[in-house]
Amino acid sequence: MGCVSTAVAQHERQVLGIIPSAFTINNLVGETCGKEIKVATMQERLVMMMELSDAFIALPGGFGTLEELFQMISWAQLNIHNKPIGVLNINGFFNGLLSFVDHAVKQEFITPRARKILISATTADELVDKLQAFRFESDPALSKLKWSPSSSQKEKLDLTLRL
């Protein structure tokens, strides 16, 4: 992430780092070259990323990258957001993952409509073009879901002890 943010900043573009405060201990993530927002949890980070981003691009990475990628895909599938999501498939890094996703479609665990949520390209220019051309197709059954704060509040339980 540091190399990408540095390159972006060198080209006079906006850099925003949303960093869980635990990562700032002992300078684990290094110095941020743009604006930095510290959050308490990884979940808070994901929510803020979703709210502030126009699109999501995953570069080759590990479990954290995959977790965030699939979180954004599942949130799109559930109509929590409708922003484009892509992987930059450098040197075929994501080939196995894309094959797995296509296999899940063939096995009917992922719908063809949901499969369209994940965009891939081998070059940055191609990926940006595809992300800009992306038009979200909502699943009619899931489009009825309401994700407003009032709909997600749980009913309070009466935990009064009565003797």
C-alpha atoms as a PDB file:
ATOM      1  CA  MET A   1       0.000   0.000   0.000  1.00  0.00           C
ATOM      2  CA  GLY A   2       2.869   2.337   0.730  1.00  0.00           C
ATOM      3  CA  CYS A   3       4.274   2.117  -2.804  1.00  0.00           C
ATOM      4  CA  VAL A   4       0.877   2.761  -4.354  1.00  0.00           C
ATOM      5  CA  SER A   5       0.045   5.719  -2.117  1.00  0.00           C
ATOM      6  CA  THR A   6       3.492   7.241  -2.699  1.00  0.00           C
ATOM      7  CA  ALA A   7       3.103   6.926  -6.492  1.00  0.00           C
ATOM      8  CA  VAL A   8      -0.366   8.476  -6.324  1.00  0.00           C
ATOM      9  CA  ALA A   9       0.885  11.381  -4.207  1.00  0.00           C
ATOM     10  CA  GLN A  10       3.858  11.941  -6.549  1.00  0.00           C
ATOM     11  CA  HIS A  11       1.363  12.429  -9.373  1.00  0.00           C
ATOM     12  CA  GLU A  12      -0.412  15.059  -7.290  1.00  0.00           C
ATOM     13  CA  ARG A  13      -3.512  12.954  -6.653  1.00  0.00           C
ATOM     14  CA  GLN A  14      -5.432  12.603  -3.418  1.00  0.00           C
ATOM     15  CA  VAL A  15      -4.320   9.915  -0.954  1.00  0.00           C
ATOM     16  CA  LEU A  16      -6.474   8.905   1.993  1.00  0.00           C
ATOM     17  CA  GLY A  17      -5.358   6.293   4.489  1.00  0.00           C
ATOM     18  CA  ILE A  18      -8.016   4.798   6.761  1.00  0.00           C
ATOM     19  CA  ILE A  19      -6.006   3.027   9.402  1.00  0.00           C
ATOM     20  CA  PRO A  20      -7.064   1.075  12.504  1.00  0.00           C
ATOM     21  CA  SER A  21      -5.314   2.654  15.476  1.00  0.00           C
ATOM     22  CA  ALA A  22      -3.741  -0.702  16.407  1.00  0.00           C
ATOM     23  CA  PHE A  23      -1.681  -0.490  13.196  1.00  0.00           C
ATOM     24  CA  THR A  24      -0.210   2.856  14.174  1.00  0.00           C
ATOM     25  CA  ILE A  25       1.563   1.379  17.198  1.00  0.00           C
ATOM     26  CA  ASN A  26       5.286   0.976  16.474  1.00  0.00           C
ATOM     27  CA  ASN A  27       4.680   2.566  13.039  1.00  0.00           C
ATOM     28  CA  LEU A  28       3.508  -0.789  11.627  1.00  0.00           C
ATOM     29  CA  VAL A  29       2.078   0.726   8.413  1.00  0.00           C
ATOM     30  CA  GLY A  30       4.723   3.371   7.887  1.00  0.00           C
ATOM     31  CA  GLU A  31       4.166   7.036   7.255  1.00  0.00           C
ATOM     32  CA  THR A  32       1.047   8.126   5.393  1.00  0.00           C
ATOM     33  CA  CYS A  33       1.790  10.490   2.512  1.00  0.00           C
ATOM     34  CA  GLY A  34      -1.710  11.962   2.348  1.00  0.00           C
ATOM     35  CA  LYS A  35      -4.618  12.481   4.670  1.00  0.00           C
ATOM     36  CA  GLU A  36      -4.913   9.887   7.418  1.00  0.00           C
ATOM     37  CA  ILE A  37      -8.028   8.883   9.328  1.00  0.00           C
ATOM     38  CA  LYS A  38      -7.578   6.647  12.361  1.00  0.00           C
ATOM     39  CA  VAL A  39     -10.419   4.317  13.273  1.00  0.00           C
ATOM     40  CA  ALA A  40     -10.909   1.908  16.155  1.00  0.00           C
ATOM     41  CA  THR A  41     -11.636  -1.336  14.280  1.00  0.00           C
ATOM     42  CA  MET A  42     -11.219  -3.055  10.947  1.00  0.00           C
ATOM     43  CA  GLN A  43     -15.011  -3.092  10.534  1.00  0.00           C
ATOM     44  CA  GLU A  44     -15.127   0.674  11.046  1.00  0.00           C
ATOM     45  CA  ARG A  45     -12.364   0.955   8.420  1.00  0.00           C
ATOM     46  CA  LEU A  46     -14.373  -1.043   5.886  1.00  0.00           C
ATOM     47  CA  VAL A  47     -17.515   0.999   6.468  1.00  0.00           C
ATOM     48  CA  MET A  48     -15.608   4.259   6.072  1.00  0.00           C
ATOM     49  CA  MET A  49     -13.869   2.973   2.930  1.00  0.00           C
ATOM     50  CA  MET A  50     -17.251   2.044   1.495  1.00  0.00           C
ATOM     51  CA  GLU A  51     -18.710   5.460   2.282  1.00  0.00           C
ATOM     52  CA  LEU A  52     -15.773   7.497   0.944  1.00  0.00           C
ATOM     53  CA  SER A  53     -14.785   5.460  -2.124  1.00  0.00           C
ATOM     54  CA  ASP A  54     -16.043   5.744  -5.689  1.00  0.00           C
ATOM     55  CA  ALA A  55     -14.773   2.260  -6.575  1.00  0.00           C
ATOM     56  CA  PHE A  56     -12.675  -0.555  -5.107  1.00  0.00           C
ATOM     57  CA  ILE A  57      -9.523  -1.993  -6.662  1.00  0.00           C
ATOM     58  CA  ALA A  58      -7.669  -4.959  -5.215  1.00  0.00           C
ATOM     59  CA  LEU A  59      -4.017  -5.427  -6.059  1.00  0.00           C
ATOM     60  CA  PRO A  60      -2.201  -8.706  -5.436  1.00  0.00           C
ATOM     61  CA  GLY A  61      -2.185  -9.330  -1.707  1.00  0.00           C
ATOM     62  CA  GLY A  62      -2.897 -11.747   1.092  1.00  0.00           C
ATOM     63  CA  PHE A  63      -5.774 -12.677   3.371  1.00  0.00           C
ATOM     64  CA  GLY A  64      -6.525  -9.083   4.373  1.00  0.00           C
ATOM     65  CA  THR A  65      -6.863  -8.054   0.742  1.00  0.00           C
ATOM     66  CA  LEU A  66      -9.124 -11.015  -0.001  1.00  0.00           C
ATOM     67  CA  GLU A  67     -11.254 -10.386   3.097  1.00  0.00           C
ATOM     68  CA  GLU A  68     -11.830  -6.748   2.156  1.00  0.00           C
ATOM     69  CA  LEU A  69     -12.458  -7.636  -1.496  1.00  0.00           C
ATOM     70  CA  PHE A  70     -15.103 -10.220  -0.653  1.00  0.00           C
ATOM     71  CA  GLN A  71     -16.673  -7.967   1.985  1.00  0.00           C
ATOM     72  CA  MET A  72     -17.217  -5.291  -0.654  1.00  0.00           C
ATOM     73  CA  ILE A  73     -18.531  -7.874  -3.144  1.00  0.00           C
ATOM     74  CA  SER A  74     -21.010  -9.308  -0.648  1.00  0.00           C
ATOM     75  CA  TRP A  75     -22.144  -5.804   0.368  1.00  0.00           C
ATOM     76  CA  ALA A  76     -22.741  -5.000  -3.306  1.00  0.00           C
ATOM     77  CA  GLN A  77     -24.668  -8.247  -3.751  1.00  0.00           C
ATOM     78  CA  LEU A  78     -26.821  -7.277  -0.747  1.00  0.00           C
ATOM     79  CA  ASN A  79     -27.386  -3.766  -2.184  1.00  0.00           C
ATOM     80  CA  ILE A  80     -25.528  -2.050   0.632  1.00  0.00           C
ATOM     81  CA  HIS A  81     -23.582  -0.203  -2.084  1.00  0.00           C
ATOM     82  CA  ASN A  82     -23.517  -0.202  -5.891  1.00  0.00           C
ATOM     83  CA  LYS A  83     -19.915   0.806  -6.565  1.00  0.00           C
ATOM     84  CA  PRO A  84     -17.652  -1.004  -9.032  1.00  0.00           C
ATOM     85  CA  ILE A  85     -15.173  -3.547  -7.692  1.00  0.00           C
ATOM     86  CA  GLY A  86     -12.139  -4.763  -9.605  1.00  0.00           C
ATOM     87  CA  VAL A  87      -8.968  -6.767  -9.340  1.00  0.00           C
ATOM     88  CA  LEU A  88      -5.793  -5.800 -11.145  1.00  0.00           C
ATOM     89  CA  ASN A  89      -4.741  -9.237 -12.343  1.00  0.00           C
ATOM     90  CA  ILE A  90      -1.017  -8.575 -12.689  1.00  0.00           C
ATOM     91  CA  ASN A  91       0.882 -11.561 -14.122  1.00  0.00           C
ATOM     92  CA  GLY A  92      -2.195 -13.736 -13.628  1.00  0.00           C
ATOM     93  CA  PHE A  93      -2.088 -13.341  -9.833  1.00  0.00           C
ATOM     94  CA  PHE A  94      -5.890 -13.625  -9.513  1.00  0.00           C
ATOM     95  CA  ASN A  95      -6.378 -16.351 -12.158  1.00  0.00           C
ATOM     96  CA  GLY A  96      -6.995 -19.059  -9.560  1.00  0.00           C
ATOM     97  CA  LEU A  97      -9.434 -16.877  -7.636  1.00  0.00           C
ATOM     98  CA  LEU A  98     -11.335 -15.909 -10.795  1.00  0.00           C
ATOM     99  CA  SER A  99     -11.502 -19.585 -11.831  1.00  0.00           C
ATOM    100  CA  PHE A 100     -12.880 -20.443  -8.386  1.00  0.00           C
ATOM    101  CA  VAL A 101     -15.550 -17.730  -8.679  1.00  0.00           C
ATOM    102  CA  ASP A 102     -16.504 -18.983 -12.157  1.00  0.00           C
ATOM    103  CA  HIS A 103     -16.671 -22.544 -10.781  1.00  0.00           C
ATOM    104  CA  ALA A 104     -18.991 -21.322  -8.003  1.00  0.00           C
ATOM    105  CA  VAL A 105     -21.247 -19.846 -10.714  1.00  0.00           C
ATOM    106  CA  LYS A 106     -21.288 -23.178 -12.583  1.00  0.00           C
ATOM    107  CA  GLN A 107     -22.153 -24.933  -9.323  1.00  0.00           C
ATOM    108  CA  GLU A 108     -24.940 -22.346  -8.785  1.00  0.00           C
ATOM    109  CA  PHE A 109     -23.565 -20.937  -5.522  1.00  0.00           C
ATOM    110  CA  ILE A 110     -23.089 -17.539  -7.187  1.00  0.00           C
ATOM    111  CA  THR A 111     -25.611 -16.174  -9.682  1.00  0.00           C
ATOM    112  CA  PRO A 112     -24.422 -14.964 -13.086  1.00  0.00           C
ATOM    113  CA  ARG A 113     -25.763 -11.510 -12.122  1.00  0.00           C
ATOM    114  CA  ALA A 114     -23.684 -11.487  -8.911  1.00  0.00           C
ATOM    115  CA  ARG A 115     -20.602 -12.667 -10.847  1.00  0.00           C
ATOM    116  CA  LYS A 116     -20.710  -9.428 -12.839  1.00  0.00           C
ATOM    117  CA  ILE A 117     -19.965  -7.506  -9.633  1.00  0.00           C
ATOM    118  CA  LEU A 118     -16.291  -8.547  -9.783  1.00  0.00           C
ATOM    119  CA  ILE A 119     -14.382  -6.947 -12.644  1.00  0.00           C
ATOM    120  CA  SER A 120     -10.868  -7.966 -13.648  1.00  0.00           C
ATOM    121  CA  ALA A 121      -8.228  -6.632 -16.001  1.00  0.00           C
ATOM    122  CA  THR A 122      -4.525  -7.145 -16.601  1.00  0.00           C
ATOM    123  CA  THR A 123      -3.618  -3.455 -16.924  1.00  0.00           C
ATOM    124  CA  ALA A 124      -4.517  -0.424 -14.849  1.00  0.00           C
ATOM    125  CA  ASP A 125      -5.874   1.464 -17.882  1.00  0.00           C
ATOM    126  CA  GLU A 126      -8.121  -1.432 -18.868  1.00  0.00           C
ATOM    127  CA  LEU A 127      -9.368  -1.818 -15.302  1.00  0.00           C
ATOM    128  CA  VAL A 128     -10.184   1.881 -14.943  1.00  0.00           C
ATOM    129  CA  ASP A 129     -12.074   1.780 -18.257  1.00  0.00           C
ATOM    130  CA  LYS A 130     -14.082  -1.245 -17.103  1.00  0.00           C
ATOM    131  CA  LEU A 131     -14.805   0.316 -13.706  1.00  0.00           C
ATOM    132  CA  GLN A 132     -16.033   3.514 -15.371  1.00  0.00           C
ATOM    133  CA  ALA A 133     -18.281   1.528 -17.733  1.00  0.00           C
ATOM    134  CA  PHE A 134     -19.717  -0.621 -14.913  1.00  0.00           C
ATOM    135  CA  ARG A 135     -23.488  -0.464 -14.408  1.00  0.00           C
ATOM    136  CA  PHE A 136     -24.748  -2.159 -11.275  1.00  0.00           C
ATOM    137  CA  GLU A 137     -27.490  -4.756 -11.795  1.00  0.00           C
ATOM    138  CA  SER A 138     -29.469  -5.193  -8.608  1.00  0.00           C
ATOM    139  CA  ASP A 139     -30.928  -8.598  -7.834  1.00  0.00           C
ATOM    140  CA  PRO A 140     -34.700  -8.011  -7.775  1.00  0.00           C
ATOM    141  CA  ALA A 141     -35.157 -10.198  -4.690  1.00  0.00           C
ATOM    142  CA  LEU A 142     -32.374  -8.435  -2.782  1.00  0.00           C
ATOM    143  CA  SER A 143     -33.255  -4.931  -3.958  1.00  0.00           C
ATOM    144  CA  LYS A 144     -36.117  -4.887  -1.461  1.00  0.00           C
ATOM    145  CA  LEU A 145     -33.695  -5.038   1.470  1.00  0.00           C
ATOM    146  CA  LYS A 146     -33.483  -1.831   3.485  1.00  0.00           C
ATOM    147  CA  TRP A 147     -30.175  -1.048   5.157  1.00  0.00           C
ATOM    148  CA  SER A 148     -31.038   2.211   6.886  1.00  0.00           C
ATOM    149  CA  PRO A 149     -29.992   2.526  10.536  1.00  0.00           C
ATOM    150  CA  SER A 150     -33.613   2.306  11.704  1.00  0.00           C
ATOM    151  CA  SER A 151     -34.185  -1.017   9.926  1.00  0.00           C
ATOM    152  CA  SER A 152     -31.095  -2.596  11.428  1.00  0.00           C
ATOM    153  CA  GLN A 153     -31.751  -1.621  15.029  1.00  0.00           C
ATOM    154  CA  LYS A 154     -32.599  -4.574  17.203  1.00  0.00           C
ATOM    155  CA  GLU A 155     -35.558  -4.558  19.511  1.00  0.00           C
ATOM    156  CA  LYS A 156     -34.434  -4.011  23.090  1.00  0.00           C
ATOM    157  CA  LEU A 157     -34.835  -6.970  25.372  1.00  0.00           C
ATOM    158  CA  ASP A 158     -36.279  -6.571  28.823  1.00  0.00           C
ATOM    159  CA  LEU A 159     -33.608  -8.118  31.036  1.00  0.00           C
ATOM    160  CA  THR A 160     -35.211  -7.090  34.325  1.00  0.00           C
ATOM    161  CA  LEU A 161     -34.854  -9.759  36.971  1.00  0.00           C
ATOM    162  CA  ARG A 162     -38.223 -10.409  38.595  1.00  0.00           C
ATOM    163  CA  LEU A 163     -38.377 -12.484  41.750  1.00  0.00           C
END
